[in-house]
Amino acid sequence: VQFVESGGGLVQPGGSLRLSCTASGFTFSRYDMNWYRQAPGKERELVATITATDGSTHYTDFVKGRFTISRDNAKNTVYLQMNSLKPEDTAVYYCNRRWYQASWGQGTQVTVSS
């Protein structure tokens, strides 16, 4: 099982980024997927979830209304559209299965700064 995250970068407050995570080594369409993030000196935290069955989505309070998770099962990829970014969104972002988590990828760095 492998996850490859991409799409991060440096963005000004209020800006947008779209993260991608391409998975391999398992039947992607059968698994709920999560995005997580880890800021310097803090523990990794859950950001958003998308289910396998019907594509329903769930967000933690600090990203509701700003972030959108989506998936493309044909491409084995989960996305995170991030709008209205804030400096506190600065972190390394990771994806993983919601259940039966596998080894973490390298993540993608998001830095929100003016």
C-alpha atoms as a PDB file:
ATOM      1  CA  VAL A   1       0.000   0.000   0.000  1.00  0.00           C
ATOM      2  CA  GLN A   2       1.339   3.411  -0.935  1.00  0.00           C
ATOM      3  CA  PHE A   3       0.122   6.999  -0.845  1.00  0.00           C
ATOM      4  CA  VAL A   4       1.688   9.831  -2.828  1.00  0.00           C
ATOM      5  CA  GLU A   5       0.539  13.321  -1.866  1.00  0.00           C
ATOM      6  CA  SER A   6       1.136  16.393  -4.005  1.00  0.00           C
ATOM      7  CA  GLY A   7      -0.090  19.909  -4.678  1.00  0.00           C
ATOM      8  CA  GLY A   8       1.194  21.752  -1.646  1.00  0.00           C
ATOM      9  CA  GLY A   9       3.103  25.004  -1.705  1.00  0.00           C
ATOM     10  CA  LEU A  10       3.369  28.530  -0.386  1.00  0.00           C
ATOM     11  CA  VAL A  11       0.203  30.584  -0.587  1.00  0.00           C
ATOM     12  CA  GLN A  12      -0.938  33.897   0.859  1.00  0.00           C
ATOM     13  CA  PRO A  13      -3.743  34.071   3.423  1.00  0.00           C
ATOM     14  CA  GLY A  14      -7.066  33.865   1.648  1.00  0.00           C
ATOM     15  CA  GLY A  15      -5.594  31.852  -1.199  1.00  0.00           C
ATOM     16  CA  SER A  16      -6.409  28.364  -2.470  1.00  0.00           C
ATOM     17  CA  LEU A  17      -4.660  25.085  -3.126  1.00  0.00           C
ATOM     18  CA  ARG A  18      -5.784  21.705  -4.418  1.00  0.00           C
ATOM     19  CA  LEU A  19      -4.055  18.687  -2.929  1.00  0.00           C
ATOM     20  CA  SER A  20      -3.996  15.252  -4.542  1.00  0.00           C
ATOM     21  CA  CYS A  21      -3.261  11.846  -3.076  1.00  0.00           C
ATOM     22  CA  THR A  22      -2.803   8.886  -5.375  1.00  0.00           C
ATOM     23  CA  ALA A  23      -3.089   5.483  -3.762  1.00  0.00           C
ATOM     24  CA  SER A  24      -1.848   2.090  -4.885  1.00  0.00           C
ATOM     25  CA  GLY A  25      -1.638  -1.458  -3.611  1.00  0.00           C
ATOM     26  CA  PHE A  26      -5.284  -1.924  -2.657  1.00  0.00           C
ATOM     27  CA  THR A  27      -8.788  -1.605  -4.092  1.00  0.00           C
ATOM     28  CA  PHE A  28      -9.183   2.113  -3.598  1.00  0.00           C
ATOM     29  CA  SER A  29     -12.884   2.267  -4.388  1.00  0.00           C
ATOM     30  CA  ARG A  30     -13.740   0.040  -1.432  1.00  0.00           C
ATOM     31  CA  TYR A  31     -12.205   2.247   1.248  1.00  0.00           C
ATOM     32  CA  ASP A  32     -13.259   5.394   3.037  1.00  0.00           C
ATOM     33  CA  MET A  33     -10.431   7.897   2.791  1.00  0.00           C
ATOM     34  CA  ASN A  34      -9.199  10.639   5.124  1.00  0.00           C
ATOM     35  CA  TRP A  35      -7.040  13.709   4.836  1.00  0.00           C
ATOM     36  CA  TYR A  36      -4.907  14.550   7.870  1.00  0.00           C
ATOM     37  CA  ARG A  37      -2.449  17.275   8.699  1.00  0.00           C
ATOM     38  CA  GLN A  38       0.433  17.776  11.096  1.00  0.00           C
ATOM     39  CA  ALA A  39       1.682  21.184  12.072  1.00  0.00           C
ATOM     40  CA  PRO A  40       5.156  21.692  13.558  1.00  0.00           C
ATOM     41  CA  GLY A  41       5.269  20.529  17.146  1.00  0.00           C
ATOM     42  CA  LYS A  42       1.728  19.165  17.050  1.00  0.00           C
ATOM     43  CA  GLU A  43       0.147  15.768  16.635  1.00  0.00           C
ATOM     44  CA  ARG A  44      -1.354  14.650  13.367  1.00  0.00           C
ATOM     45  CA  GLU A  45      -5.049  15.547  13.180  1.00  0.00           C
ATOM     46  CA  LEU A  46      -7.986  14.545  11.024  1.00  0.00           C
ATOM     47  CA  VAL A  47      -9.160  17.098   8.484  1.00  0.00           C
ATOM     48  CA  ALA A  48     -11.801  15.434   6.293  1.00  0.00           C
ATOM     49  CA  THR A  49     -13.354  12.084   5.365  1.00  0.00           C
ATOM     50  CA  ILE A  50     -15.022  10.736   2.231  1.00  0.00           C
ATOM     51  CA  THR A  51     -16.843   7.436   2.247  1.00  0.00           C
ATOM     52  CA  ALA A  52     -16.543   4.651  -0.302  1.00  0.00           C
ATOM     53  CA  THR A  53     -20.195   3.695  -0.447  1.00  0.00           C
ATOM     54  CA  ASP A  54     -21.859   6.947  -1.408  1.00  0.00           C
ATOM     55  CA  GLY A  55     -19.129   9.577  -1.354  1.00  0.00           C
ATOM     56  CA  SER A  56     -20.543  11.369   1.660  1.00  0.00           C
ATOM     57  CA  THR A  57     -18.159  13.780   3.304  1.00  0.00           C
ATOM     58  CA  HIS A  58     -17.342  14.884   6.842  1.00  0.00           C
ATOM     59  CA  TYR A  59     -15.170  17.750   8.016  1.00  0.00           C
ATOM     60  CA  THR A  60     -13.648  18.860  11.254  1.00  0.00           C
ATOM     61  CA  ASP A  61     -14.959  22.166  12.493  1.00  0.00           C
ATOM     62  CA  PHE A  62     -11.868  24.176  11.684  1.00  0.00           C
ATOM     63  CA  VAL A  63     -12.179  23.524   7.925  1.00  0.00           C
ATOM     64  CA  LYS A  64     -15.940  23.390   7.418  1.00  0.00           C
ATOM     65  CA  GLY A  65     -17.048  25.694   4.646  1.00  0.00           C
ATOM     66  CA  ARG A  66     -13.475  26.191   3.416  1.00  0.00           C
ATOM     67  CA  PHE A  67     -12.208  22.738   2.394  1.00  0.00           C
ATOM     68  CA  THR A  68     -13.802  20.163   0.087  1.00  0.00           C
ATOM     69  CA  ILE A  69     -12.778  16.516  -0.122  1.00  0.00           C
ATOM     70  CA  SER A  70     -13.540  14.508  -3.253  1.00  0.00           C
ATOM     71  CA  ARG A  71     -12.391  11.311  -4.942  1.00  0.00           C
ATOM     72  CA  ASP A  72     -11.918   9.826  -8.393  1.00  0.00           C
ATOM     73  CA  ASN A  73     -12.013   6.049  -8.118  1.00  0.00           C
ATOM     74  CA  ALA A  74     -10.931   5.614 -11.738  1.00  0.00           C
ATOM     75  CA  LYS A  75      -7.679   7.418 -10.877  1.00  0.00           C
ATOM     76  CA  ASN A  76      -7.283   5.995  -7.347  1.00  0.00           C
ATOM     77  CA  THR A  77      -7.024   9.570  -6.168  1.00  0.00           C
ATOM     78  CA  VAL A  78      -8.507  11.630  -3.361  1.00  0.00           C
ATOM     79  CA  TYR A  79      -8.440  15.418  -3.486  1.00  0.00           C
ATOM     80  CA  LEU A  80      -8.613  18.243  -0.995  1.00  0.00           C
ATOM     81  CA  GLN A  81      -9.669  21.622  -2.326  1.00  0.00           C
ATOM     82  CA  MET A  82      -8.622  24.256   0.195  1.00  0.00           C
ATOM     83  CA  ASN A  83     -10.026  27.776  -0.031  1.00  0.00           C
ATOM     84  CA  SER A  84      -9.776  30.813   2.224  1.00  0.00           C
ATOM     85  CA  LEU A  85      -6.538  29.491   3.645  1.00  0.00           C
ATOM     86  CA  LYS A  86      -5.332  30.796   6.991  1.00  0.00           C
ATOM     87  CA  PRO A  87      -1.846  30.815   8.526  1.00  0.00           C
ATOM     88  CA  GLU A  88      -3.029  28.185  11.010  1.00  0.00           C
ATOM     89  CA  ASP A  89      -3.618  25.805   8.092  1.00  0.00           C
ATOM     90  CA  THR A  90       0.150  25.577   7.676  1.00  0.00           C
ATOM     91  CA  ALA A  91       1.079  21.906   8.029  1.00  0.00           C
ATOM     92  CA  VAL A  92       2.141  18.786   6.196  1.00  0.00           C
ATOM     93  CA  TYR A  93      -0.956  17.159   4.721  1.00  0.00           C
ATOM     94  CA  TYR A  94      -1.364  13.387   4.405  1.00  0.00           C
ATOM     95  CA  CYS A  95      -3.998  10.976   3.223  1.00  0.00           C
ATOM     96  CA  ASN A  96      -4.724   7.473   4.491  1.00  0.00           C
ATOM     97  CA  ARG A  97      -7.504   4.973   4.710  1.00  0.00           C
ATOM     98  CA  ARG A  98     -10.089   5.766   7.349  1.00  0.00           C
ATOM     99  CA  TRP A  99      -9.999   2.195   8.657  1.00  0.00           C
ATOM    100  CA  TYR A 100      -7.110  -0.251   8.431  1.00  0.00           C
ATOM    101  CA  GLN A 101      -4.596   2.531   8.081  1.00  0.00           C
ATOM    102  CA  ALA A 102      -1.438   1.786   6.158  1.00  0.00           C
ATOM    103  CA  SER A 103       2.027   3.316   6.235  1.00  0.00           C
ATOM    104  CA  TRP A 104       2.043   7.068   5.764  1.00  0.00           C
ATOM    105  CA  GLY A 105       3.274   8.760   2.621  1.00  0.00           C
ATOM    106  CA  GLN A 106       5.710  11.634   2.601  1.00  0.00           C
ATOM    107  CA  GLY A 107       2.937  14.208   2.763  1.00  0.00           C
ATOM    108  CA  THR A 108       2.794  17.562   1.030  1.00  0.00           C
ATOM    109  CA  GLN A 109       3.791  20.815   2.729  1.00  0.00           C
ATOM    110  CA  VAL A 110       1.266  23.650   2.818  1.00  0.00           C
ATOM    111  CA  THR A 111       2.530  27.004   4.017  1.00  0.00           C
ATOM    112  CA  VAL A 112       0.142  29.926   4.386  1.00  0.00           C
ATOM    113  CA  SER A 113       2.035  33.155   4.860  1.00  0.00           C
ATOM    114  CA  SER A 114       2.210  36.692   3.552  1.00  0.00           C
END
